[in-house]
Structures are given as structure tokens and as C-alpha cells.
């Protein structure tokens, strides 16, 4: 799964644990404060939706530009058709 980190916050673009376990909630993405929760046990997506949206936009720009560093955009090696959902379930 794609993920991005800014400061202590990490956004994982997918449900569940992204690894070998099922995960603990049914949110469409995961947001963690690694300073306060290094074990990634409390998904903050529903309590910090604006931050999750900002991180998703940041990741979208990186993918669209083909780079995370300063400079001119680089072409991706294949067409991309993806969407990051950070909208929480009601």
C-alpha cells in the first residue's frame, strides 16, 4: 500500500494492517501519530480528516509529478489510475 509521512503523521492508503493481519477497523485509510503511537494502534482518520486529506493530496502530487524531490515532473513508467479515499464511514 502507498503511504506518506509528514512529521510524526503517517497516512497509509488502504484498509487493515497492510501486512499479515486483518487490521482493527473498517476505515478506508489509516492515519497515525508515530510520536504518540509508534505501534500504530489508534487510527486517527475519523478525528483528523483534514490532515488525512492534506497528506493524500501531497501523495497525489508526488505520484502525478513522478517525484518527491524538487525539479521538473518526471513521466511515470506506466499509466496511473488510482484514488486515495480518506473519507470516513458514517
PDB file of N, CA and C in Angstrom:
ATOM      1  N   UNK A   1       0.829  -1.178   0.000  1.00  0.00           N
ATOM      2  CA  UNK A   1       0.000   0.000   0.000  1.00  0.00           C
ATOM      3  C   UNK A   1       0.876   1.245   0.000  1.00  0.00           C
ATOM      4  N   UNK A   2       0.389   2.269  -0.652  1.00  0.00           N
ATOM      5  CA  UNK A   2       1.089   3.544  -0.625  1.00  0.00           C
ATOM      6  C   UNK A   2       0.959   4.179   0.753  1.00  0.00           C
ATOM      7  N   UNK A   3       1.993   4.868   1.166  1.00  0.00           N
ATOM      8  CA  UNK A   3       1.977   5.586   2.446  1.00  0.00           C
ATOM      9  C   UNK A   3       2.825   6.836   2.307  1.00  0.00           C
ATOM     10  N   UNK A   4       2.538   7.808   3.160  1.00  0.00           N
ATOM     11  CA  UNK A   4       3.320   9.044   3.182  1.00  0.00           C
ATOM     12  C   UNK A   4       3.425   9.507   4.625  1.00  0.00           C
ATOM     13  N   UNK A   5       4.538  10.158   4.928  1.00  0.00           N
ATOM     14  CA  UNK A   5       4.754  10.665   6.277  1.00  0.00           C
ATOM     15  C   UNK A   5       5.125  12.136   6.211  1.00  0.00           C
ATOM     16  N   UNK A   6       4.548  12.918   7.109  1.00  0.00           N
ATOM     17  CA  UNK A   6       4.913  14.322   7.296  1.00  0.00           C
ATOM     18  C   UNK A   6       5.025  14.539   8.792  1.00  0.00           C
ATOM     19  N   UNK A   7       6.218  14.852   9.245  1.00  0.00           N
ATOM     20  CA  UNK A   7       6.442  14.983  10.686  1.00  0.00           C
ATOM     21  C   UNK A   7       6.099  13.667  11.365  1.00  0.00           C
ATOM     22  N   UNK A   8       5.342  13.721  12.448  1.00  0.00           N
ATOM     23  CA  UNK A   8       5.018  12.488  13.153  1.00  0.00           C
ATOM     24  C   UNK A   8       3.845  11.719  12.544  1.00  0.00           C
ATOM     25  N   UNK A   9       3.182  12.303  11.536  1.00  0.00           N
ATOM     26  CA  UNK A   9       1.970  11.683  11.000  1.00  0.00           C
ATOM     27  C   UNK A   9       2.251  10.838   9.775  1.00  0.00           C
ATOM     28  N   UNK A  10       1.636   9.667   9.747  1.00  0.00           N
ATOM     29  CA  UNK A  10       1.794   8.725   8.647  1.00  0.00           C
ATOM     30  C   UNK A  10       0.413   8.347   8.137  1.00  0.00           C
ATOM     31  N   UNK A  11       0.196   8.518   6.833  1.00  0.00           N
ATOM     32  CA  UNK A  11      -1.052   8.115   6.182  1.00  0.00           C
ATOM     33  C   UNK A  11      -0.779   6.878   5.352  1.00  0.00           C
ATOM     34  N   UNK A  12      -1.540   5.840   5.585  1.00  0.00           N
ATOM     35  CA  UNK A  12      -1.470   4.609   4.804  1.00  0.00           C
ATOM     36  C   UNK A  12      -2.742   4.545   3.979  1.00  0.00           C
ATOM     37  N   UNK A  13      -2.595   4.416   2.672  1.00  0.00           N
ATOM     38  CA  UNK A  13      -3.747   4.466   1.771  1.00  0.00           C
ATOM     39  C   UNK A  13      -4.341   3.088   1.560  1.00  0.00           C
ATOM     40  N   UNK A  14      -5.017   2.599   2.564  1.00  0.00           N
ATOM     41  CA  UNK A  14      -5.674   1.309   2.477  1.00  0.00           C
ATOM     42  C   UNK A  14      -6.222   0.882   3.815  1.00  0.00           C
ATOM     43  N   UNK A  15      -7.108  -0.086   3.760  1.00  0.00           N
ATOM     44  CA  UNK A  15      -7.721  -0.635   4.968  1.00  0.00           C
ATOM     45  C   UNK A  15      -6.797  -1.621   5.644  1.00  0.00           C
ATOM     46  N   UNK A  16      -7.140  -1.958   6.861  1.00  0.00           N
ATOM     47  CA  UNK A  16      -6.452  -3.022   7.571  1.00  0.00           C
ATOM     48  C   UNK A  16      -5.021  -2.692   7.901  1.00  0.00           C
ATOM     49  N   UNK A  17      -4.255  -3.719   8.153  1.00  0.00           N
ATOM     50  CA  UNK A  17      -2.886  -3.511   8.603  1.00  0.00           C
ATOM     51  C   UNK A  17      -1.915  -3.310   7.451  1.00  0.00           C
ATOM     52  N   UNK A  18      -2.275  -3.722   6.261  1.00  0.00           N
ATOM     53  CA  UNK A  18      -1.356  -3.638   5.130  1.00  0.00           C
ATOM     54  C   UNK A  18      -0.295  -4.712   5.176  1.00  0.00           C
ATOM     55  N   UNK A  19      -0.391  -5.576   6.161  1.00  0.00           N
ATOM     56  CA  UNK A  19       0.607  -6.633   6.319  1.00  0.00           C
ATOM     57  C   UNK A  19      -0.058  -7.985   6.450  1.00  0.00           C
ATOM     58  N   UNK A  20       0.319  -8.697   7.493  1.00  0.00           N
ATOM     59  CA  UNK A  20      -0.135 -10.075   7.643  1.00  0.00           C
ATOM     60  C   UNK A  20      -1.383 -10.223   8.496  1.00  0.00           C
ATOM     61  N   UNK A  21      -1.842  -9.125   9.118  1.00  0.00           N
ATOM     62  CA  UNK A  21      -3.040  -9.216   9.953  1.00  0.00           C
ATOM     63  C   UNK A  21      -4.188  -8.457   9.323  1.00  0.00           C
ATOM     64  N   UNK A  22      -5.395  -8.700   9.797  1.00  0.00           N
ATOM     65  CA  UNK A  22      -6.599  -8.123   9.198  1.00  0.00           C
ATOM     66  C   UNK A  22      -6.791  -6.650   9.518  1.00  0.00           C
ATOM     67  N   UNK A  23      -6.230  -6.156  10.585  1.00  0.00           N
ATOM     68  CA  UNK A  23      -6.456  -4.770  10.971  1.00  0.00           C
ATOM     69  C   UNK A  23      -7.633  -4.669  11.913  1.00  0.00           C
ATOM     70  N   UNK A  24      -7.785  -3.489  12.543  1.00  0.00           N
ATOM     71  CA  UNK A  24      -8.774  -3.380  13.598  1.00  0.00           C
ATOM     72  C   UNK A  24     -10.009  -2.568  13.304  1.00  0.00           C
ATOM     73  N   UNK A  25     -10.126  -1.922  12.145  1.00  0.00           N
ATOM     74  CA  UNK A  25     -11.319  -1.153  11.854  1.00  0.00           C
ATOM     75  C   UNK A  25     -11.638  -1.246  10.369  1.00  0.00           C
ATOM     76  N   UNK A  26     -12.735  -0.603   9.967  1.00  0.00           N
ATOM     77  CA  UNK A  26     -13.149  -0.673   8.570  1.00  0.00           C
ATOM     78  C   UNK A  26     -13.006   0.683   7.883  1.00  0.00           C
ATOM     79  N   UNK A  27     -12.085   1.523   8.334  1.00  0.00           N
ATOM     80  CA  UNK A  27     -11.862   2.822   7.708  1.00  0.00           C
ATOM     81  C   UNK A  27     -11.172   2.624   6.358  1.00  0.00           C
ATOM     82  N   UNK A  28     -11.377   3.548   5.403  1.00  0.00           N
ATOM     83  CA  UNK A  28     -10.792   3.386   4.072  1.00  0.00           C
ATOM     84  C   UNK A  28      -9.290   3.646   3.999  1.00  0.00           C
ATOM     85  N   UNK A  29      -8.740   4.262   5.044  1.00  0.00           N
ATOM     86  CA  UNK A  29      -7.307   4.562   5.102  1.00  0.00           C
ATOM     87  C   UNK A  29      -6.908   4.590   6.570  1.00  0.00           C
ATOM     88  N   UNK A  30      -5.627   4.808   6.824  1.00  0.00           N
ATOM     89  CA  UNK A  30      -5.124   4.817   8.202  1.00  0.00           C
ATOM     90  C   UNK A  30      -4.238   6.034   8.413  1.00  0.00           C
ATOM     91  N   UNK A  31      -4.419   6.696   9.549  1.00  0.00           N
ATOM     92  CA  UNK A  31      -3.611   7.852   9.901  1.00  0.00           C
ATOM     93  C   UNK A  31      -3.121   7.656  11.323  1.00  0.00           C
ATOM     94  N   UNK A  32      -1.815   7.743  11.505  1.00  0.00           N
ATOM     95  CA  UNK A  32      -1.223   7.525  12.826  1.00  0.00           C
ATOM     96  C   UNK A  32      -0.284   8.664  13.186  1.00  0.00           C
ATOM     97  N   UNK A  33      -0.214   8.972  14.484  1.00  0.00           N
ATOM     98  CA  UNK A  33       0.781   9.880  15.032  1.00  0.00           C
ATOM     99  C   UNK A  33       1.877   8.993  15.607  1.00  0.00           C
ATOM    100  N   UNK A  34       2.978   8.882  14.913  1.00  0.00           N
ATOM    101  CA  UNK A  34       4.031   7.951  15.311  1.00  0.00           C
ATOM    102  C   UNK A  34       4.768   8.382  16.578  1.00  0.00           C
ATOM    103  N   UNK A  35       4.734   9.679  16.914  1.00  0.00           N
ATOM    104  CA  UNK A  35       5.338  10.114  18.174  1.00  0.00           C
ATOM    105  C   UNK A  35       4.532   9.590  19.358  1.00  0.00           C
ATOM    106  N   UNK A  36       3.223   9.695  19.277  1.00  0.00           N
ATOM    107  CA  UNK A  36       2.346   9.287  20.372  1.00  0.00           C
ATOM    108  C   UNK A  36       1.973   7.806  20.312  1.00  0.00           C
ATOM    109  N   UNK A  37       2.053   7.211  19.120  1.00  0.00           N
ATOM    110  CA  UNK A  37       1.576   5.843  18.914  1.00  0.00           C
ATOM    111  C   UNK A  37       2.492   5.103  17.933  1.00  0.00           C
ATOM    112  N   UNK A  38       3.725   4.802  18.343  1.00  0.00           N
ATOM    113  CA  UNK A  38       4.664   4.166  17.409  1.00  0.00           C
ATOM    114  C   UNK A  38       4.236   2.770  16.975  1.00  0.00           C
ATOM    115  N   UNK A  39       3.366   2.129  17.728  1.00  0.00           N
ATOM    116  CA  UNK A  39       2.871   0.809  17.353  1.00  0.00           C
ATOM    117  C   UNK A  39       1.697   0.848  16.392  1.00  0.00           C
ATOM    118  N   UNK A  40       1.268   2.054  15.990  1.00  0.00           N
ATOM    119  CA  UNK A  40       0.163   2.243  15.052  1.00  0.00           C
ATOM    120  C   UNK A  40      -1.082   1.483  15.493  1.00  0.00           C
ATOM    121  N   UNK A  41      -1.526   1.750  16.716  1.00  0.00           N
ATOM    122  CA  UNK A  41      -2.692   1.059  17.256  1.00  0.00           C
ATOM    123  C   UNK A  41      -3.974   1.877  17.188  1.00  0.00           C
ATOM    124  N   UNK A  42      -3.868   3.214  17.057  1.00  0.00           N
ATOM    125  CA  UNK A  42      -5.051   4.070  17.054  1.00  0.00           C
ATOM    126  C   UNK A  42      -5.133   4.838  15.740  1.00  0.00           C
ATOM    127  N   UNK A  43      -6.092   4.460  14.898  1.00  0.00           N
ATOM    128  CA  UNK A  43      -6.295   5.105  13.610  1.00  0.00           C
ATOM    129  C   UNK A  43      -6.987   6.454  13.845  1.00  0.00           C
ATOM    130  N   UNK A  44      -6.330   7.545  13.473  1.00  0.00           N
ATOM    131  CA  UNK A  44      -6.847   8.898  13.694  1.00  0.00           C
ATOM    132  C   UNK A  44      -7.641   9.443  12.510  1.00  0.00           C
ATOM    133  N   UNK A  45      -7.926   8.623  11.526  1.00  0.00           N
ATOM    134  CA  UNK A  45      -8.580   9.094  10.314  1.00  0.00           C
ATOM    135  C   UNK A  45      -9.886   9.825  10.595  1.00  0.00           C
ATOM    136  N   UNK A  46     -10.705   9.293  11.458  1.00  0.00           N
ATOM    137  CA  UNK A  46     -12.013   9.917  11.720  1.00  0.00           C
ATOM    138  C   UNK A  46     -11.904  11.172  12.573  1.00  0.00           C
ATOM    139  N   UNK A  47     -10.808  11.330  13.322  1.00  0.00           N
ATOM    140  CA  UNK A  47     -10.660  12.508  14.180  1.00  0.00           C
ATOM    141  C   UNK A  47      -9.809  13.599  13.546  1.00  0.00           C
ATOM    142  N   UNK A  48      -9.060  13.274  12.492  1.00  0.00           N
ATOM    143  CA  UNK A  48      -8.194  14.252  11.813  1.00  0.00           C
ATOM    144  C   UNK A  48      -8.402  14.184  10.295  1.00  0.00           C
ATOM    145  N   UNK A  49      -9.649  14.308   9.811  1.00  0.00           N
ATOM    146  CA  UNK A  49      -9.891  14.154   8.368  1.00  0.00           C
ATOM    147  C   UNK A  49      -9.190  15.211   7.509  1.00  0.00           C
ATOM    148  N   UNK A  50      -9.048  16.434   8.008  1.00  0.00           N
ATOM    149  CA  UNK A  50      -8.386  17.487   7.231  1.00  0.00           C
ATOM    150  C   UNK A  50      -6.910  17.152   7.012  1.00  0.00           C
ATOM    151  N   UNK A  51      -6.242  16.687   8.063  1.00  0.00           N
ATOM    152  CA  UNK A  51      -4.842  16.288   7.940  1.00  0.00           C
ATOM    153  C   UNK A  51      -4.702  15.121   6.967  1.00  0.00           C
ATOM    154  N   UNK A  52      -5.594  14.144   7.065  1.00  0.00           N
ATOM    155  CA  UNK A  52      -5.549  12.999   6.149  1.00  0.00           C
ATOM    156  C   UNK A  52      -5.718  13.458   4.709  1.00  0.00           C
ATOM    157  N   UNK A  53      -6.620  14.397   4.479  1.00  0.00           N
ATOM    158  CA  UNK A  53      -6.842  14.926   3.137  1.00  0.00           C
ATOM    159  C   UNK A  53      -5.604  15.662   2.619  1.00  0.00           C
ATOM    160  N   UNK A  54      -4.963  16.450   3.475  1.00  0.00           N
ATOM    161  CA  UNK A  54      -3.734  17.155   3.080  1.00  0.00           C
ATOM    162  C   UNK A  54      -2.631  16.174   2.690  1.00  0.00           C
ATOM    163  N   UNK A  55      -2.467  15.118   3.484  1.00  0.00           N
ATOM    164  CA  UNK A  55      -1.435  14.120   3.182  1.00  0.00           C
ATOM    165  C   UNK A  55      -1.769  13.361   1.896  1.00  0.00           C
ATOM    166  N   UNK A  56      -3.053  13.066   1.687  1.00  0.00           N
ATOM    167  CA  UNK A  56      -3.473  12.377   0.461  1.00  0.00           C
ATOM    168  C   UNK A  56      -3.196  13.260  -0.754  1.00  0.00           C
ATOM    169  N   UNK A  57      -3.474  14.560  -0.639  1.00  0.00           N
ATOM    170  CA  UNK A  57      -3.182  15.481  -1.741  1.00  0.00           C
ATOM    171  C   UNK A  57      -1.681  15.537  -2.015  1.00  0.00           C
ATOM    172  N   UNK A  58      -0.885  15.558  -0.954  1.00  0.00           N
ATOM    173  CA  UNK A  58       0.564  15.591  -1.085  1.00  0.00           C
ATOM    174  C   UNK A  58       1.068  14.344  -1.819  1.00  0.00           C
ATOM    175  N   UNK A  59       0.552  13.192  -1.444  1.00  0.00           N
ATOM    176  CA  UNK A  59       0.942  11.950  -2.098  1.00  0.00           C
ATOM    177  C   UNK A  59       0.486  11.948  -3.556  1.00  0.00           C
ATOM    178  N   UNK A  60      -0.705  12.462  -3.806  1.00  0.00           N
ATOM    179  CA  UNK A  60      -1.202  12.542  -5.179  1.00  0.00           C
ATOM    180  C   UNK A  60      -0.303  13.386  -6.068  1.00  0.00           C
ATOM    181  N   UNK A  61       0.188  14.513  -5.540  1.00  0.00           N
ATOM    182  CA  UNK A  61       1.109  15.358  -6.306  1.00  0.00           C
ATOM    183  C   UNK A  61       2.418  14.624  -6.595  1.00  0.00           C
ATOM    184  N   UNK A  62       2.914  13.890  -5.614  1.00  0.00           N
ATOM    185  CA  UNK A  62       4.162  13.135  -5.800  1.00  0.00           C
ATOM    186  C   UNK A  62       4.000  12.104  -6.908  1.00  0.00           C
ATOM    187  N   UNK A  63       2.905  11.383  -6.883  1.00  0.00           N
ATOM    188  CA  UNK A  63       2.676  10.366  -7.912  1.00  0.00           C
ATOM    189  C   UNK A  63       2.474  11.025  -9.275  1.00  0.00           C
ATOM    190  N   UNK A  64       1.675  12.079  -9.318  1.00  0.00           N
ATOM    191  CA  UNK A  64       1.405  12.771 -10.580  1.00  0.00           C
ATOM    192  C   UNK A  64       2.684  13.342 -11.185  1.00  0.00           C
ATOM    193  N   UNK A  65       3.546  13.931 -10.327  1.00  0.00           N
ATOM    194  CA  UNK A  65       4.789  14.539 -10.807  1.00  0.00           C
ATOM    195  C   UNK A  65       5.904  13.524 -11.028  1.00  0.00           C
ATOM    196  N   UNK A  66       5.712  12.300 -10.572  1.00  0.00           N
ATOM    197  CA  UNK A  66       6.721  11.265 -10.765  1.00  0.00           C
ATOM    198  C   UNK A  66       7.953  11.449  -9.906  1.00  0.00           C
ATOM    199  N   UNK A  67       7.844  12.282  -8.850  1.00  0.00           N
ATOM    200  CA  UNK A  67       8.997  12.523  -7.985  1.00  0.00           C
ATOM    201  C   UNK A  67       8.555  13.193  -6.694  1.00  0.00           C
ATOM    202  N   UNK A  68       9.362  13.010  -5.658  1.00  0.00           N
ATOM    203  CA  UNK A  68       9.111  13.662  -4.371  1.00  0.00           C
ATOM    204  C   UNK A  68      10.134  14.751  -4.079  1.00  0.00           C
ATOM    205  N   UNK A  69      11.080  14.927  -4.987  1.00  0.00           N
ATOM    206  CA  UNK A  69      12.138  15.916  -4.809  1.00  0.00           C
ATOM    207  C   UNK A  69      11.894  17.112  -5.728  1.00  0.00           C
ATOM    208  N   UNK A  70      12.535  18.256  -5.449  1.00  0.00           N
ATOM    209  CA  UNK A  70      12.374  19.405  -6.342  1.00  0.00           C
ATOM    210  C   UNK A  70      12.885  19.092  -7.741  1.00  0.00           C
ATOM    211  N   UNK A  71      12.275  19.735  -8.713  1.00  0.00           N
ATOM    212  CA  UNK A  71      12.697  19.553 -10.094  1.00  0.00           C
ATOM    213  C   UNK A  71      11.506  19.417 -11.008  1.00  0.00           C
ATOM    214  N   UNK A  72      11.787  19.273 -12.275  1.00  0.00           N
ATOM    215  CA  UNK A  72      10.705  19.165 -13.249  1.00  0.00           C
ATOM    216  C   UNK A  72      10.014  17.807 -13.119  1.00  0.00           C
ATOM    217  N   UNK A  73       8.715  17.765 -13.440  1.00  0.00           N
ATOM    218  CA  UNK A  73       7.978  16.493 -13.372  1.00  0.00           C
ATOM    219  C   UNK A  73       8.631  15.427 -14.241  1.00  0.00           C
ATOM    220  N   UNK A  74       8.532  14.200 -13.777  1.00  0.00           N
ATOM    221  CA  UNK A  74       9.075  13.051 -14.497  1.00  0.00           C
ATOM    222  C   UNK A  74       7.921  12.150 -14.911  1.00  0.00           C
ATOM    223  N   UNK A  75       8.025  11.566 -16.074  1.00  0.00           N
ATOM    224  CA  UNK A  75       6.980  10.666 -16.549  1.00  0.00           C
ATOM    225  C   UNK A  75       7.004   9.370 -15.734  1.00  0.00           C
ATOM    226  N   UNK A  76       5.830   8.883 -15.393  1.00  0.00           N
ATOM    227  CA  UNK A  76       5.734   7.570 -14.764  1.00  0.00           C
ATOM    228  C   UNK A  76       5.935   6.512 -15.839  1.00  0.00           C
ATOM    229  N   UNK A  77       6.360   5.327 -15.451  1.00  0.00           N
ATOM    230  CA  UNK A  77       6.663   4.296 -16.440  1.00  0.00           C
ATOM    231  C   UNK A  77       5.430   3.581 -16.965  1.00  0.00           C
ATOM    232  N   UNK A  78       4.259   3.890 -16.411  1.00  0.00           N
ATOM    233  CA  UNK A  78       3.009   3.309 -16.900  1.00  0.00           C
ATOM    234  C   UNK A  78       1.866   4.240 -16.518  1.00  0.00           C
ATOM    235  N   UNK A  79       0.735   4.129 -17.197  1.00  0.00           N
ATOM    236  CA  UNK A  79      -0.409   4.972 -16.840  1.00  0.00           C
ATOM    237  C   UNK A  79      -0.882   4.667 -15.423  1.00  0.00           C
ATOM    238  N   UNK A  80      -1.291   5.704 -14.727  1.00  0.00           N
ATOM    239  CA  UNK A  80      -1.767   5.536 -13.354  1.00  0.00           C
ATOM    240  C   UNK A  80      -3.243   5.862 -13.276  1.00  0.00           C
ATOM    241  N   UNK A  81      -3.997   4.998 -12.651  1.00  0.00           N
ATOM    242  CA  UNK A  81      -5.416   5.226 -12.419  1.00  0.00           C
ATOM    243  C   UNK A  81      -5.700   4.767 -10.996  1.00  0.00           C
ATOM    244  N   UNK A  82      -5.628   5.689 -10.064  1.00  0.00           N
ATOM    245  CA  UNK A  82      -5.815   5.333  -8.667  1.00  0.00           C
ATOM    246  C   UNK A  82      -6.477   6.481  -7.939  1.00  0.00           C
ATOM    247  N   UNK A  83      -7.016   6.166  -6.797  1.00  0.00           N
ATOM    248  CA  UNK A  83      -7.728   7.158  -5.998  1.00  0.00           C
ATOM    249  C   UNK A  83      -7.457   6.862  -4.525  1.00  0.00           C
ATOM    250  N   UNK A  84      -7.165   7.902  -3.769  1.00  0.00           N
ATOM    251  CA  UNK A  84      -6.971   7.748  -2.333  1.00  0.00           C
ATOM    252  C   UNK A  84      -8.237   8.184  -1.638  1.00  0.00           C
ATOM    253  N   UNK A  85      -8.862   7.304  -0.911  1.00  0.00           N
ATOM    254  CA  UNK A  85     -10.050   7.667  -0.158  1.00  0.00           C
ATOM    255  C   UNK A  85      -9.678   7.870   1.297  1.00  0.00           C
ATOM    256  N   UNK A  86      -9.956   9.073   1.782  1.00  0.00           N
ATOM    257  CA  UNK A  86      -9.743   9.349   3.206  1.00  0.00           C
ATOM    258  C   UNK A  86     -11.077   9.682   3.887  1.00  0.00           C
ATOM    259  N   UNK A  87     -12.170   9.466   3.178  1.00  0.00           N
ATOM    260  CA  UNK A  87     -13.485   9.728   3.759  1.00  0.00           C
ATOM    261  C   UNK A  87     -13.824   8.615   4.725  1.00  0.00           C
ATOM    262  N   UNK A  88     -14.209   8.999   5.918  1.00  0.00           N
ATOM    263  CA  UNK A  88     -14.508   8.015   6.946  1.00  0.00           C
ATOM    264  C   UNK A  88     -15.940   7.515   6.809  1.00  0.00           C
ATOM    265  N   UNK A  89     -16.175   6.316   7.290  1.00  0.00           N
ATOM    266  CA  UNK A  89     -17.517   5.755   7.289  1.00  0.00           C
ATOM    267  C   UNK A  89     -18.357   6.464   8.347  1.00  0.00           C
ATOM    268  N   UNK A  90     -19.620   6.732   8.026  1.00  0.00           N
ATOM    269  CA  UNK A  90     -20.513   7.389   8.994  1.00  0.00           C
ATOM    270  C   UNK A  90     -21.156   6.390   9.907  1.00  0.00           C
TER     271      UNK A  90
END
